Amino acid sequence: MTAETPDNTTTTPELPPHLGLANLMTRAFLGEDLGPVGAELLNRAQNNPADANALMDLSIVLQMRGDPETGLAIQSQALSLQQFYQIPASQPGGPRLLAIKGPGEVMWNTPLEFLTEDSDIALDMLYLAPELPVPPGVPDHDILMIAVAQCDRNRALLASLADLAEEWPRPVINQPARISQLTRDNVCHLLSGIPGVIMPLSVRVERSTLEAVTRGETRIQDLLSDGDFPIIVRPVDSHAGRGLDRADDPAALATYLQQSPTDQFYVSRFVDYRQQDGRYRKARVVVIDGQPFVAHMAISDHWMIHYLNAGMAEDAEKRAEEARFMENFDTDFVPRHQAALDEITRRLGLDYYALDCAETADGQLLIFEADSAMVVHAMDPADDFPYKKVQMRKVFDAFRSMIEKRLQTAQA
């Protein structure tokens, strides 16, 4: 892949606009049935086989409705027609951001549409892959962001983008080589030894190795030098808790393997991070240009927390606690962990990334994951989550400020 001189080429103007991930996911999040939307997009594509925008949006709808295989096939059709997809700015006169993405599931790229919606940032998305090189006529832009996420499927793409980013004629946010380091088994080594930080060793193992553990032929301690049962086990490249479970002993691990069809797993020791009231709390912290912001904080009676399964929408007391956490984040959480967060940012070397983390009962920062592609959004309804809009505006403004700072530096 080689860098191209940007020009003013855009997507085919006569096509209806690309709705994009933020639009469609928000509608689904708020309870809208996307079936009729998918039917309308399918009708558009049938009436105009060149309507790449309809195909790309249909791919997103199908993935969110639980049919990733068909969705990715439709996405391939879209990309054979067009590699550029555009989300126009809501306000004129702002910067033009070009994001490089890769083909695949929605979680395989940074969901920038949430960060730029309702702003003056014009977002162009260019899809590249080894079989999809940089096309002629790259849209003119002010700044580039590598939005390709770390996963096995994107390994070759990120490697090929390293040289491209080095010679790109515009400022670049998030270098591909840094994104490539965000495997679970590598991040725990990158962050090892930071005072006040706990991130258990994560090891990538074959199914056959775990099966040997269940038969007593291999000890779990031989895999995890820092722990024993109970362990956390998940398929490689899984997100949002898919396939994630805790195994308290070899028998439980055997049961897990019987229910999981995959061949590659990550395992790590389980850290009990319950607070004094017996509840678990997990926060998503997004770090933009070195400054931490909270995106959400979920509270649950169960160790495996995801915001959607924590019952936040149904529990006013939990929401009140989250609101207090957000209000006091800069004066409480950040000062207690400032040195650790600064060192994490230094070691990761990313302009934009997010942490899923918690605090242990003794006040240490427990890191579950560091990634450049976590969903950071303002989809929650304002009636129940009025504090979220205020907090997320800080996040979106910080993203906009980072772009402006990069542009000013490039012009100096």
Protein backbone atom coordinates (compact mmCIF):
# COMPACT_ATOMS: atom_id res chain seq x y z
CA MET A 1 0.00 0.00 0.00
CA THR A 2 1.19 3.49 -0.77
CA ALA A 3 -0.10 6.90 0.21
CA GLU A 4 -2.05 8.83 -2.37
CA THR A 5 -2.27 12.58 -2.76
CA PRO A 6 -5.71 13.57 -1.47
CA ASP A 7 -8.14 15.24 -3.82
CA ASN A 8 -11.73 16.36 -3.61
CA THR A 9 -13.27 13.07 -4.77
CA THR A 10 -16.22 11.93 -2.62
CA THR A 11 -18.79 9.17 -2.73
CA THR A 12 -21.21 9.08 -5.64
CA PRO A 13 -23.46 12.11 -5.04
CA GLU A 14 -26.66 10.68 -6.51
CA LEU A 15 -26.85 7.86 -3.96
CA PRO A 16 -28.99 8.30 -0.83
CA PRO A 17 -26.69 9.06 2.12
CA HIS A 18 -24.90 6.45 4.21
CA LEU A 19 -26.75 6.15 7.54
CA GLY A 20 -23.78 4.70 9.38
CA LEU A 21 -23.19 2.77 12.57
CA ALA A 22 -24.09 5.48 15.09
CA ASN A 23 -27.47 6.15 13.48
CA LEU A 24 -28.45 2.50 13.20
CA MET A 25 -27.06 1.32 16.53
CA THR A 26 -28.73 4.17 18.40
CA ARG A 27 -32.09 3.33 16.87
CA ALA A 28 -31.70 -0.32 17.86
CA PHE A 29 -30.43 0.66 21.33
CA LEU A 30 -33.56 2.75 21.90
CA GLY A 31 -35.79 -0.18 20.98
CA GLU A 32 -36.60 0.43 17.33
CA ASP A 33 -37.17 -2.68 15.24
CA LEU A 34 -34.61 -2.47 12.44
CA GLY A 35 -36.46 -5.07 10.38
CA PRO A 36 -38.35 -2.46 8.33
CA VAL A 37 -35.14 -0.46 7.91
CA GLY A 38 -33.39 -3.55 6.59
CA ALA A 39 -36.27 -4.26 4.21
CA GLU A 40 -36.09 -0.72 2.85
CA LEU A 41 -32.33 -0.96 2.38
CA LEU A 42 -32.70 -4.31 0.62
CA ASN A 43 -35.30 -2.81 -1.70
CA ARG A 44 -32.96 0.07 -2.49
CA ALA A 45 -30.13 -2.31 -3.31
CA GLN A 46 -32.37 -4.45 -5.52
CA ASN A 47 -33.60 -1.39 -7.41
CA ASN A 48 -30.08 -0.02 -7.78
CA PRO A 49 -27.31 -2.66 -7.57
CA ALA A 50 -24.76 0.19 -7.51
CA ASP A 51 -26.16 1.61 -4.24
CA ALA A 52 -23.15 0.82 -2.08
CA ASN A 53 -24.48 2.97 0.78
CA ALA A 54 -27.60 0.80 1.02
CA LEU A 55 -25.50 -2.37 1.01
CA MET A 56 -23.13 -1.12 3.70
CA ASP A 57 -26.02 -0.02 5.94
CA LEU A 58 -27.80 -3.32 5.32
CA SER A 59 -24.64 -5.12 6.41
CA ILE A 60 -24.69 -3.21 9.71
CA VAL A 61 -28.39 -3.98 10.25
CA LEU A 62 -27.86 -7.69 9.61
CA GLN A 63 -24.93 -7.86 12.02
CA MET A 64 -26.92 -6.14 14.76
CA ARG A 65 -29.84 -8.51 14.15
CA GLY A 66 -27.64 -11.54 14.73
CA ASP A 67 -26.73 -12.58 11.19
CA PRO A 68 -23.05 -11.65 10.84
CA GLU A 69 -22.36 -14.17 8.07
CA THR A 70 -24.89 -12.65 5.69
CA GLY A 71 -23.98 -9.15 6.88
CA LEU A 72 -20.31 -9.63 6.01
CA ALA A 73 -21.21 -11.07 2.61
CA ILE A 74 -23.29 -7.96 1.90
CA GLN A 75 -20.42 -5.80 3.13
CA SER A 76 -18.10 -7.45 0.60
CA GLN A 77 -20.55 -6.53 -2.16
CA ALA A 78 -20.57 -2.93 -0.95
CA LEU A 79 -16.78 -2.71 -0.85
CA SER A 80 -16.48 -4.14 -4.35
CA LEU A 81 -18.45 -1.10 -5.49
CA GLN A 82 -17.03 1.59 -3.24
CA GLN A 83 -14.35 1.88 -0.55
CA PHE A 84 -15.36 5.36 0.67
CA TYR A 85 -18.31 6.06 2.98
CA GLN A 86 -19.14 9.49 4.28
CA ILE A 87 -20.90 10.93 7.34
CA PRO A 88 -21.30 14.67 6.64
CA ALA A 89 -20.70 17.19 9.40
CA SER A 90 -23.77 18.47 11.22
CA GLN A 91 -22.20 21.93 11.30
CA PRO A 92 -20.20 23.47 8.45
CA GLY A 93 -16.62 24.65 8.47
CA GLY A 94 -14.98 22.02 10.65
CA PRO A 95 -12.08 19.64 10.07
CA ARG A 96 -12.23 16.77 7.61
CA LEU A 97 -11.31 13.47 9.25
CA LEU A 98 -10.39 10.46 7.12
CA ALA A 99 -10.60 7.15 8.98
CA ILE A 100 -8.99 3.99 7.65
CA LYS A 101 -11.06 0.93 8.47
CA GLY A 102 -10.87 -2.72 7.56
CA PRO A 103 -13.61 -5.09 6.36
CA GLY A 104 -15.30 -7.18 9.01
CA GLU A 105 -17.57 -7.02 12.01
CA VAL A 106 -18.50 -3.67 13.50
CA MET A 107 -16.28 -4.32 16.54
CA TRP A 108 -13.21 -4.68 14.31
CA ASN A 109 -12.94 -0.91 13.82
CA THR A 110 -13.06 2.12 16.10
CA PRO A 111 -16.69 3.35 16.01
CA LEU A 112 -15.75 6.95 15.23
CA GLU A 113 -19.27 7.79 14.09
CA PHE A 114 -20.27 8.17 17.75
CA LEU A 115 -17.42 10.61 18.41
CA THR A 116 -18.19 12.84 15.43
CA GLU A 117 -21.99 12.87 15.28
CA ASP A 118 -23.68 16.24 15.90
CA SER A 119 -20.35 18.00 15.38
CA ASP A 120 -18.54 20.02 12.74
CA ILE A 121 -16.27 17.06 11.89
CA ALA A 122 -16.82 15.65 8.41
CA LEU A 123 -16.03 11.93 8.55
CA ASP A 124 -14.85 9.95 5.52
CA MET A 125 -14.23 6.24 6.02
CA LEU A 126 -11.82 4.47 3.69
CA TYR A 127 -11.88 0.66 3.83
CA LEU A 128 -8.59 -1.04 3.07
CA ALA A 129 -7.38 -4.64 3.08
CA PRO A 130 -4.60 -6.60 1.40
CA GLU A 131 -7.09 -7.20 -1.42
CA LEU A 132 -8.40 -3.60 -1.23
CA PRO A 133 -5.43 -1.25 -1.78
CA VAL A 134 -5.57 2.52 -1.58
CA PRO A 135 -7.71 3.62 -4.53
CA PRO A 136 -7.01 6.69 -6.65
CA GLY A 137 -8.77 9.85 -5.62
CA VAL A 138 -8.56 9.76 -1.81
CA PRO A 139 -10.97 12.43 -0.49
CA ASP A 140 -9.26 15.62 0.57
CA HIS A 141 -8.93 15.71 4.34
CA ASP A 142 -7.12 17.47 7.17
CA ILE A 143 -6.19 14.55 9.38
CA LEU A 144 -6.08 10.74 9.25
CA MET A 145 -7.02 8.29 11.98
CA ILE A 146 -6.22 4.59 11.91
CA ALA A 147 -9.52 3.08 13.04
CA VAL A 148 -8.56 -0.56 12.39
CA ALA A 149 -8.84 -2.50 15.65
CA GLN A 150 -6.46 -5.12 16.89
CA CYS A 151 -7.68 -8.66 16.15
CA ASP A 152 -6.31 -11.70 14.36
CA ARG A 153 -8.25 -10.79 11.22
CA ASN A 154 -6.64 -7.34 11.10
CA ARG A 155 -3.06 -8.39 11.82
CA ALA A 156 -1.87 -8.29 8.20
CA LEU A 157 -3.76 -5.07 7.51
CA LEU A 158 -2.21 -3.27 10.48
CA ALA A 159 1.25 -4.44 9.41
CA SER A 160 0.70 -3.10 5.91
CA LEU A 161 -0.58 0.22 7.27
CA ALA A 162 2.58 0.89 9.28
CA ASP A 163 4.57 2.14 6.28
CA LEU A 164 1.52 3.90 4.86
CA ALA A 165 1.02 5.92 8.04
CA GLU A 166 4.70 6.89 8.14
CA GLU A 167 4.54 8.54 4.71
CA TRP A 168 0.97 9.87 4.85
CA PRO A 169 0.89 13.58 3.89
CA ARG A 170 -1.44 14.56 6.73
CA PRO A 171 -1.23 14.19 10.56
CA VAL A 172 -2.04 10.67 11.78
CA ILE A 173 -3.89 9.69 14.97
CA ASN A 174 -3.03 6.24 16.41
CA GLN A 175 -0.09 4.57 14.73
CA PRO A 176 -0.84 1.05 13.41
CA ALA A 177 2.18 -0.49 15.15
CA ARG A 178 0.84 0.71 18.50
CA ILE A 179 -2.61 -0.70 17.79
CA SER A 180 -1.05 -4.06 16.90
CA GLN A 181 0.34 -4.33 20.43
CA LEU A 182 -3.12 -4.41 22.02
CA THR A 183 -3.50 -8.18 22.17
CA ARG A 184 -4.66 -9.32 25.61
CA ASP A 185 -1.53 -11.37 26.15
CA ASN A 186 0.72 -8.44 25.21
CA VAL A 187 -1.03 -5.62 27.07
CA CYS A 188 -0.58 -7.39 30.40
CA HIS A 189 3.18 -7.42 29.76
CA LEU A 190 3.23 -3.80 28.57
CA LEU A 191 1.52 -2.68 31.78
CA SER A 192 3.39 -5.00 34.13
CA GLY A 193 5.01 -3.44 37.15
CA ILE A 194 3.17 -0.12 37.18
CA PRO A 195 2.66 0.87 40.83
CA GLY A 196 -0.98 0.74 41.85
CA VAL A 197 -2.02 -1.28 38.77
CA ILE A 198 -3.18 -4.88 38.61
CA MET A 199 -3.53 -6.62 35.28
CA PRO A 200 -3.37 -10.40 35.58
CA LEU A 201 -1.23 -12.35 33.17
CA SER A 202 -3.26 -13.35 30.12
CA VAL A 203 -2.07 -16.35 28.11
CA ARG A 204 -3.17 -17.48 24.68
CA VAL A 205 -3.63 -21.25 24.58
CA GLU A 206 -4.88 -23.96 22.26
CA ARG A 207 -7.96 -26.02 23.05
CA SER A 208 -5.77 -29.10 23.35
CA THR A 209 -3.75 -27.44 26.11
CA LEU A 210 -6.86 -26.64 28.13
CA GLU A 211 -8.17 -30.15 27.55
CA ALA A 212 -4.93 -31.43 29.07
CA VAL A 213 -5.64 -29.27 32.13
CA THR A 214 -9.10 -30.84 32.49
CA ARG A 215 -7.54 -34.31 32.43
CA GLY A 216 -4.93 -33.43 35.02
CA GLU A 217 -2.05 -33.79 32.55
CA THR A 218 -1.16 -30.09 32.79
CA ARG A 219 -1.52 -27.80 35.79
CA ILE A 220 -3.11 -24.41 35.34
CA GLN A 221 -0.14 -22.99 37.28
CA ASP A 222 2.10 -24.19 34.44
CA LEU A 223 0.20 -21.81 32.14
CA LEU A 224 -0.36 -18.95 34.57
CA SER A 225 2.74 -18.12 36.57
CA ASP A 226 0.75 -15.61 38.65
CA GLY A 227 -2.25 -17.70 39.64
CA ASP A 228 -4.43 -20.77 40.01
CA PHE A 229 -8.13 -21.56 39.72
CA PRO A 230 -10.53 -19.84 39.49
CA ILE A 231 -9.67 -18.58 36.01
CA ILE A 232 -11.29 -16.44 33.36
CA VAL A 233 -11.48 -18.03 29.91
CA ARG A 234 -12.67 -16.54 26.64
CA PRO A 235 -12.24 -17.18 22.90
CA VAL A 236 -9.57 -15.14 21.14
CA ASP A 237 -11.01 -12.00 19.48
CA SER A 238 -14.24 -12.18 21.48
CA HIS A 239 -15.78 -8.96 22.77
CA ALA A 240 -18.73 -7.80 24.87
CA GLY A 241 -18.60 -10.94 26.99
CA ARG A 242 -19.24 -13.38 24.14
CA GLY A 243 -17.91 -16.75 25.27
CA LEU A 244 -16.49 -15.30 28.49
CA ASP A 245 -16.84 -17.39 31.64
CA ARG A 246 -15.19 -18.26 34.93
CA ALA A 247 -13.98 -21.77 35.64
CA ASP A 248 -13.44 -22.59 39.31
CA ASP A 249 -11.79 -25.96 38.75
CA PRO A 250 -10.82 -28.42 35.96
CA ALA A 251 -14.32 -29.91 35.87
CA ALA A 252 -15.86 -26.48 35.24
CA LEU A 253 -13.27 -25.86 32.53
CA ALA A 254 -14.23 -29.15 30.86
CA THR A 255 -17.89 -28.11 30.86
CA TYR A 256 -16.94 -24.76 29.34
CA LEU A 257 -14.94 -26.39 26.55
CA GLN A 258 -17.84 -28.68 25.69
CA GLN A 259 -19.96 -25.59 25.07
CA SER A 260 -17.37 -23.56 23.14
CA PRO A 261 -16.56 -24.55 19.54
CA THR A 262 -13.45 -22.40 19.13
CA ASP A 263 -9.83 -23.56 19.17
CA GLN A 264 -7.96 -20.54 20.58
CA PHE A 265 -8.53 -19.04 24.02
CA TYR A 266 -7.20 -16.48 26.46
CA VAL A 267 -6.98 -17.50 30.10
CA SER A 268 -6.12 -15.42 33.14
CA ARG A 269 -6.59 -15.66 36.88
CA PHE A 270 -9.81 -14.31 38.34
CA VAL A 271 -9.46 -11.24 40.57
CA ASP A 272 -12.28 -10.71 43.02
CA TYR A 273 -12.97 -6.99 42.81
CA ARG A 274 -16.08 -6.80 44.96
CA GLN A 275 -16.43 -3.69 47.07
CA GLN A 276 -17.43 -3.71 50.73
CA ASP A 277 -21.14 -3.79 49.86
CA GLY A 278 -20.63 -7.01 47.87
CA ARG A 279 -21.21 -5.37 44.49
CA TYR A 280 -18.91 -5.19 41.49
CA ARG A 281 -18.23 -1.93 39.66
CA LYS A 282 -16.59 -1.58 36.26
CA ALA A 283 -15.78 1.67 34.49
CA ARG A 284 -14.92 2.50 30.90
CA VAL A 285 -12.28 5.21 30.84
CA VAL A 286 -11.40 6.79 27.51
CA VAL A 287 -8.03 8.49 27.24
CA ILE A 288 -7.80 11.25 24.63
CA ASP A 289 -4.46 12.91 24.02
CA GLY A 290 -3.36 11.74 27.46
CA GLN A 291 -6.40 13.01 29.36
CA PRO A 292 -8.76 10.47 30.98
CA PHE A 293 -12.55 10.72 30.81
CA VAL A 294 -15.20 8.35 32.10
CA ALA A 295 -17.62 6.97 29.52
CA HIS A 296 -19.70 4.82 31.88
CA MET A 297 -19.64 3.00 35.20
CA ALA A 298 -21.72 -0.16 35.63
CA ILE A 299 -22.74 -1.71 38.96
CA SER A 300 -23.75 -5.33 39.37
CA ASP A 301 -24.09 -8.18 41.85
CA HIS A 302 -22.33 -10.42 39.30
CA TRP A 303 -18.63 -10.36 38.47
CA MET A 304 -19.17 -10.34 34.71
CA ILE A 305 -20.40 -6.81 34.13
CA HIS A 306 -21.42 -5.25 30.88
CA TYR A 307 -23.37 -2.06 30.89
CA LEU A 308 -26.37 -3.63 29.17
CA ASN A 309 -26.61 -6.54 31.64
CA ALA A 310 -26.03 -4.49 34.80
CA GLY A 311 -29.62 -3.27 35.06
CA MET A 312 -28.64 0.40 35.10
CA ALA A 313 -31.76 1.51 33.25
CA GLU A 314 -34.00 -0.27 35.77
CA ASP A 315 -32.29 0.96 38.95
CA ALA A 316 -32.40 4.65 39.90
CA GLU A 317 -30.01 4.05 42.80
CA LYS A 318 -27.35 2.66 40.46
CA ARG A 319 -27.81 5.56 38.07
CA ALA A 320 -27.45 8.02 40.94
CA GLU A 321 -24.16 6.40 41.91
CA GLU A 322 -22.93 6.51 38.33
CA ALA A 323 -23.87 10.19 38.16
CA ARG A 324 -21.84 10.89 41.32
CA PHE A 325 -18.90 8.92 39.94
CA MET A 326 -18.95 10.99 36.75
CA GLU A 327 -19.36 14.27 38.61
CA ASN A 328 -16.42 13.51 40.90
CA PHE A 329 -14.24 11.69 38.37
CA ASP A 330 -11.79 14.55 37.86
CA THR A 331 -11.45 15.32 41.57
CA ASP A 332 -11.54 11.79 43.02
CA PHE A 333 -10.76 8.91 40.65
CA VAL A 334 -8.23 10.70 38.45
CA PRO A 335 -6.04 12.14 41.26
CA ARG A 336 -5.88 8.73 42.94
CA HIS A 337 -4.77 7.03 39.74
CA GLN A 338 -3.14 9.90 37.81
CA ALA A 339 0.40 8.51 37.94
CA ALA A 340 -0.78 5.06 36.86
CA LEU A 341 -2.90 6.43 34.01
CA ASP A 342 -0.03 8.60 32.79
CA GLU A 343 2.31 5.61 32.76
CA ILE A 344 -0.26 3.43 30.98
CA THR A 345 -0.60 6.09 28.29
CA ARG A 346 3.16 6.39 27.94
CA ARG A 347 3.60 2.64 27.51
CA LEU A 348 0.71 2.18 25.08
CA GLY A 349 1.77 5.17 22.99
CA LEU A 350 -1.72 5.83 21.62
CA ASP A 351 -3.42 9.17 21.01
CA TYR A 352 -6.85 7.64 21.63
CA TYR A 353 -7.74 4.47 23.53
CA ALA A 354 -10.05 3.15 26.23
CA LEU A 355 -9.69 1.04 29.35
CA ASP A 356 -12.23 -1.25 30.94
CA CYS A 357 -11.20 -1.16 34.57
CA ALA A 358 -12.26 -1.38 38.20
CA GLU A 359 -10.90 -0.62 41.64
CA THR A 360 -10.03 -3.42 44.01
CA ALA A 361 -11.13 -3.31 47.63
CA ASP A 362 -7.68 -1.98 48.58
CA GLY A 363 -7.86 0.81 46.00
CA GLN A 364 -5.68 -0.52 43.20
CA LEU A 365 -6.58 -0.01 39.55
CA LEU A 366 -7.59 -3.34 38.00
CA ILE A 367 -7.29 -3.35 34.19
CA PHE A 368 -9.44 -5.78 32.24
CA GLU A 369 -8.70 -4.56 28.73
CA ALA A 370 -7.04 -1.75 26.78
CA ASP A 371 -8.29 -1.18 23.26
CA SER A 372 -8.62 1.50 20.61
CA ALA A 373 -12.04 0.34 19.40
CA MET A 374 -14.37 0.29 22.40
CA VAL A 375 -17.80 1.82 21.87
CA VAL A 376 -17.92 5.28 23.46
CA HIS A 377 -21.39 6.75 22.96
CA ALA A 378 -24.22 8.98 24.13
CA MET A 379 -27.09 6.67 23.20
CA ASP A 380 -28.68 6.43 26.65
CA PRO A 381 -32.05 8.23 26.83
CA ALA A 382 -31.78 11.65 28.47
CA ASP A 383 -34.90 11.13 30.60
CA ASP A 384 -33.24 8.38 32.63
CA PHE A 385 -29.60 9.39 32.13
CA PRO A 386 -29.53 13.20 32.10
CA TYR A 387 -25.98 13.24 33.45
CA LYS A 388 -24.66 11.16 30.55
CA LYS A 389 -25.15 13.88 27.92
CA VAL A 390 -23.08 16.33 29.97
CA GLN A 391 -20.26 13.84 30.50
CA MET A 392 -20.16 12.59 26.94
CA ARG A 393 -20.06 16.14 25.64
CA LYS A 394 -16.75 16.46 27.51
CA VAL A 395 -15.49 13.36 25.71
CA PHE A 396 -16.59 14.52 22.27
CA ASP A 397 -15.18 18.01 22.84
CA ALA A 398 -11.86 16.48 23.90
CA PHE A 399 -11.76 14.42 20.70
CA ARG A 400 -12.45 17.57 18.68
CA SER A 401 -9.75 19.46 20.63
CA MET A 402 -7.22 16.70 19.94
CA ILE A 403 -7.83 17.06 16.22
CA GLU A 404 -7.46 20.83 16.40
CA LYS A 405 -4.22 20.50 18.37
CA ARG A 406 -2.77 18.08 15.81
CA LEU A 407 -3.69 20.43 12.98
CA GLN A 408 -2.13 23.43 14.72
CA THR A 409 1.05 21.46 15.36
CA ALA A 410 1.24 20.38 11.72
CA GLN A 411 0.82 23.99 10.56
CA ALA A 412 3.42 25.40 12.94
